[in-house]
Protein backbone atom coordinates (compact mmCIF):
# COMPACT_ATOMS: atom_id res chain seq x y z
CA MET A 1 -57.54 -21.65 116.29
CA GLY A 2 -55.34 -24.41 117.71
CA SER A 3 -54.09 -27.63 116.19
CA LEU A 4 -56.42 -29.14 113.61
CA GLY A 5 -55.11 -32.64 114.24
CA GLY A 6 -57.01 -33.10 117.46
CA TRP A 7 -60.51 -32.94 115.98
CA ILE A 8 -62.69 -35.84 117.10
CA ARG A 9 -64.45 -38.31 114.79
CA ARG A 10 -66.71 -41.10 115.88
CA SER A 11 -69.67 -43.10 114.59
CA PHE A 12 -73.18 -41.86 115.31
CA HIS A 13 -76.17 -44.23 115.61
CA ARG A 14 -79.81 -43.25 115.35
CA PRO A 15 -82.56 -45.14 117.12
CA GLY A 16 -84.25 -47.44 114.64
CA TYR A 17 -81.24 -47.80 112.37
CA GLY A 18 -78.68 -50.53 112.75
CA GLU A 19 -75.87 -49.11 110.65
CA PRO A 20 -73.50 -46.23 111.44
CA MET A 21 -74.58 -42.92 109.94
CA ALA A 22 -72.35 -40.04 108.89
CA LYS A 23 -69.45 -39.34 111.18
CA GLU A 24 -69.91 -36.84 113.98
CA LEU A 25 -67.25 -34.19 113.44
CA VAL A 26 -66.03 -31.83 116.14
CA THR A 27 -64.04 -28.66 115.51
CA GLU A 28 -62.85 -26.05 117.97
CA ARG A 29 -66.22 -24.26 117.94
CA LEU A 30 -68.64 -26.51 116.09
CA LEU A 31 -70.29 -29.90 116.26
CA LEU A 32 -71.34 -31.47 112.95
CA ARG A 33 -73.75 -34.31 113.62
CA PRO A 34 -76.46 -36.24 111.76
CA TRP A 35 -79.90 -34.67 111.62
CA ILE A 36 -82.76 -35.81 113.85
CA ILE A 37 -86.47 -35.08 113.39
CA ASP A 38 -86.55 -32.88 116.50
CA ASP A 39 -84.22 -30.42 114.72
CA ALA A 40 -87.10 -29.24 112.53
CA ALA A 41 -87.92 -25.96 114.31
CA ALA A 42 -84.28 -24.90 114.55
CA ALA A 43 -83.50 -26.03 111.00
CA LEU A 44 -86.27 -23.80 109.69
CA GLY A 45 -84.09 -20.85 110.74
CA SER A 46 -81.85 -21.73 107.79
CA TYR A 47 -83.96 -23.54 105.23
CA GLY A 48 -87.03 -21.38 105.80
CA ASP A 49 -85.17 -18.10 105.48
CA SER A 50 -85.47 -16.36 102.11
CA GLN A 51 -81.88 -15.05 102.25
CA VAL A 52 -80.61 -18.63 102.44
CA ALA A 53 -83.18 -20.29 100.20
CA ARG A 54 -82.63 -17.90 97.26
CA TRP A 55 -79.31 -19.62 96.60
CA LEU A 56 -80.71 -23.17 96.99
CA VAL A 57 -83.43 -22.99 94.32
CA PRO A 58 -83.96 -25.01 92.11
CA SER A 59 -82.21 -27.87 93.91
CA MET A 60 -84.28 -27.09 97.02
CA ASP A 61 -87.16 -24.68 97.59
CA ARG A 62 -87.60 -22.55 100.71
CA VAL A 63 -89.21 -24.68 103.43
CA PRO A 64 -92.46 -22.95 104.48
CA ASP A 65 -93.08 -24.25 108.01
CA VAL A 66 -92.00 -26.69 110.73
CA ALA A 67 -94.23 -29.52 109.46
CA ALA A 68 -92.64 -29.30 106.01
CA MET A 69 -89.20 -29.14 107.60
CA ARG A 70 -89.92 -32.37 109.49
CA LEU A 71 -90.75 -34.08 106.19
CA VAL A 72 -87.53 -32.82 104.63
CA LEU A 73 -85.52 -34.12 107.60
CA GLN A 74 -87.27 -37.50 107.40
CA GLN A 75 -86.21 -37.76 103.76
CA TRP A 76 -82.64 -36.72 104.52
CA ILE A 77 -82.34 -39.21 107.37
CA ALA A 78 -83.60 -42.04 105.17
CA GLU A 79 -81.21 -41.09 102.35
CA ASP A 80 -78.30 -40.72 104.75
CA ALA A 81 -78.82 -44.29 105.94
CA ARG A 82 -78.05 -45.48 102.38
CA MET A 83 -75.02 -43.28 101.76
CA THR A 84 -71.45 -44.47 101.66
CA PRO A 85 -68.83 -42.39 103.52
CA PRO A 86 -67.68 -39.74 103.14
CA ALA A 87 -71.07 -38.59 101.79
CA GLY A 88 -73.55 -37.22 104.26
CA ARG A 89 -75.66 -34.37 105.60
CA TRP A 90 -74.96 -32.74 108.93
CA ALA A 91 -76.63 -30.40 111.38
CA VAL A 92 -74.18 -27.71 112.49
CA GLU A 93 -74.25 -26.75 116.18
CA LEU A 94 -72.25 -24.36 118.29
CA ARG A 95 -70.38 -26.38 120.88
CA GLU A 96 -70.64 -23.55 123.39
CA ASP A 97 -74.42 -23.72 123.84
CA ARG A 98 -75.52 -26.54 121.46
CA SER A 99 -77.60 -24.09 119.41
CA LEU A 100 -78.21 -25.21 115.83
CA VAL A 101 -76.92 -22.65 113.33
CA GLY A 102 -77.49 -24.49 110.04
CA GLY A 103 -76.63 -27.50 107.93
CA ALA A 104 -73.82 -28.84 105.78
CA THR A 105 -73.50 -31.40 103.01
CA LEU A 106 -70.90 -33.50 101.27
CA LEU A 107 -72.65 -35.22 98.39
CA PRO A 108 -71.84 -36.77 95.00
CA LEU A 109 -72.90 -34.30 92.30
CA PRO A 110 -74.25 -35.82 89.06
CA PRO A 111 -73.34 -36.24 86.26
CA ASP A 112 -69.69 -36.58 87.25
CA ASP A 113 -70.22 -37.65 90.88
CA GLU A 114 -67.61 -35.21 92.08
CA TYR A 115 -68.05 -34.58 95.81
CA GLU A 116 -69.69 -31.20 96.37
CA VAL A 117 -69.28 -29.45 99.70
CA GLY A 118 -72.12 -27.17 100.79
CA TRP A 119 -73.31 -25.20 103.80
CA GLN A 120 -76.55 -23.43 104.71
CA LEU A 121 -76.27 -21.24 107.82
CA ARG A 122 -78.98 -19.05 109.28
CA PRO A 123 -78.33 -15.32 108.67
CA ASP A 124 -77.64 -14.44 112.32
CA ALA A 125 -74.73 -16.92 112.24
CA TRP A 126 -73.07 -15.21 109.27
CA GLY A 127 -69.82 -13.35 109.70
CA HIS A 128 -68.24 -15.54 112.40
CA GLY A 129 -66.25 -17.97 110.25
CA TYR A 130 -68.58 -20.92 110.87
CA ALA A 131 -68.98 -21.69 107.17
CA THR A 132 -65.22 -21.69 106.68
CA GLU A 133 -64.74 -23.93 109.71
CA THR A 134 -67.43 -26.30 108.43
CA GLY A 135 -65.99 -26.45 104.92
CA GLN A 136 -62.51 -27.10 106.27
CA GLU A 137 -63.64 -30.08 108.31
CA LEU A 138 -65.79 -31.63 105.59
CA ALA A 139 -62.89 -31.36 103.14
CA ARG A 140 -60.53 -32.98 105.65
CA TRP A 141 -63.04 -35.76 106.26
CA ALA A 142 -63.35 -36.39 102.51
CA PHE A 143 -59.59 -36.44 101.98
CA GLU A 144 -59.11 -38.88 104.85
CA GLN A 145 -61.49 -41.24 103.03
CA GLY A 146 -59.38 -41.12 99.89
CA ILE A 147 -61.31 -38.51 97.90
CA GLU A 148 -58.83 -36.67 95.68
CA GLN A 149 -60.71 -33.38 95.50
CA VAL A 150 -63.94 -31.69 96.55
CA ILE A 151 -65.77 -29.02 94.58
CA ALA A 152 -68.13 -26.16 95.26
CA VAL A 153 -70.54 -24.72 92.71
CA VAL A 154 -71.48 -21.08 93.15
CA ARG A 155 -73.82 -18.74 91.35
CA PRO A 156 -71.88 -15.81 89.86
CA ALA A 157 -74.02 -13.33 91.82
CA ASN A 158 -73.38 -15.00 95.19
CA GLY A 159 -70.45 -12.90 96.31
CA ARG A 160 -70.53 -14.14 99.90
CA ALA A 161 -70.14 -17.77 98.82
CA THR A 162 -67.42 -16.87 96.33
CA ALA A 163 -65.40 -15.12 99.04
CA MET A 164 -65.88 -18.04 101.38
CA VAL A 165 -64.67 -20.74 98.96
CA ARG A 166 -61.59 -18.64 98.22
CA ARG A 167 -60.88 -18.42 101.96
CA LEU A 168 -61.00 -22.21 101.98
CA GLY A 169 -58.20 -22.21 99.41
CA MET A 170 -60.41 -23.38 96.58
CA GLU A 171 -59.25 -22.85 93.00
CA TRP A 172 -61.56 -21.52 90.30
CA VAL A 173 -61.73 -24.01 87.43
CA GLY A 174 -64.38 -22.52 85.15
CA GLU A 175 -68.09 -22.11 84.52
CA THR A 176 -70.62 -24.75 83.53
CA ASP A 177 -74.31 -25.36 82.90
CA LYS A 178 -74.27 -29.08 83.74
CA TYR A 179 -75.12 -28.84 87.45
CA HIS A 180 -78.59 -28.08 88.88
CA SER A 181 -79.75 -26.70 85.50
CA LEU A 182 -77.96 -23.43 86.29
CA HIS A 183 -74.99 -21.45 85.02
CA LEU A 184 -72.47 -21.88 87.84
CA GLN A 185 -68.88 -21.21 88.73
CA VAL A 186 -66.92 -24.30 89.78
CA TYR A 187 -64.19 -24.30 92.44
CA ARG A 188 -62.09 -27.24 93.57
CA LEU A 189 -59.98 -28.07 96.60
CA ARG A 190 -57.26 -30.69 96.82
CA PRO A 191 -55.44 -31.88 99.95
CA ALA A 192 -52.35 -29.75 99.28
CA ASP A 193 -54.54 -26.64 98.95
CA LEU A 194 -56.24 -26.95 102.32
CA THR A 195 -55.25 -23.96 104.45
CA PRO A 196 -55.94 -23.15 108.12
CA PRO A 197 -59.17 -21.14 108.57
CA THR A 198 -59.06 -17.44 109.39
CA TYR A 199 -61.61 -15.90 111.77
CA PRO A 200 -63.90 -14.07 112.00
CA HIS A 201 -65.38 -14.49 108.53
CA GLN A 202 -68.36 -16.21 106.93
């Protein structure tokens, strides 16, 4: 991958909303943009897939069909309109063909309101480094807004996620039961720890 400094950031406006939404973020291969309702069918490829959803429960159940996915997106869009940067939710597209491969989040995590970075990619997009590329850009975006660190919370059995956060340069800080009513491992990333992504990996 080339220089990371040339990645593009600009405001994104949705019809019907007067305020800027989350930033549109462009990497070498990916476009991270705010969700729209018409993404529902493509988004179901991630949030309706049992391999993805098993790691989201109980914070989010598997979405059963396109109609339910539209309702979820409506809720996310409304919530996003009230968020303060750098928080947000993004659809993740391949720049090459504009196909939607999943979603990403950067959200305050109660009770401490640390900023949690997350990603949910459809299974056929695994193994190409897209999650790493997404996490790198969301962390950079957060740090540019003055956030001192971002965290990821991972179930101990989720080996794929554990490997991915380590590729991001995240440091293991311990285990806790205070998030999502689950026993989770906590990783953190600070600006000095951010390393260039390595491909191809999930």
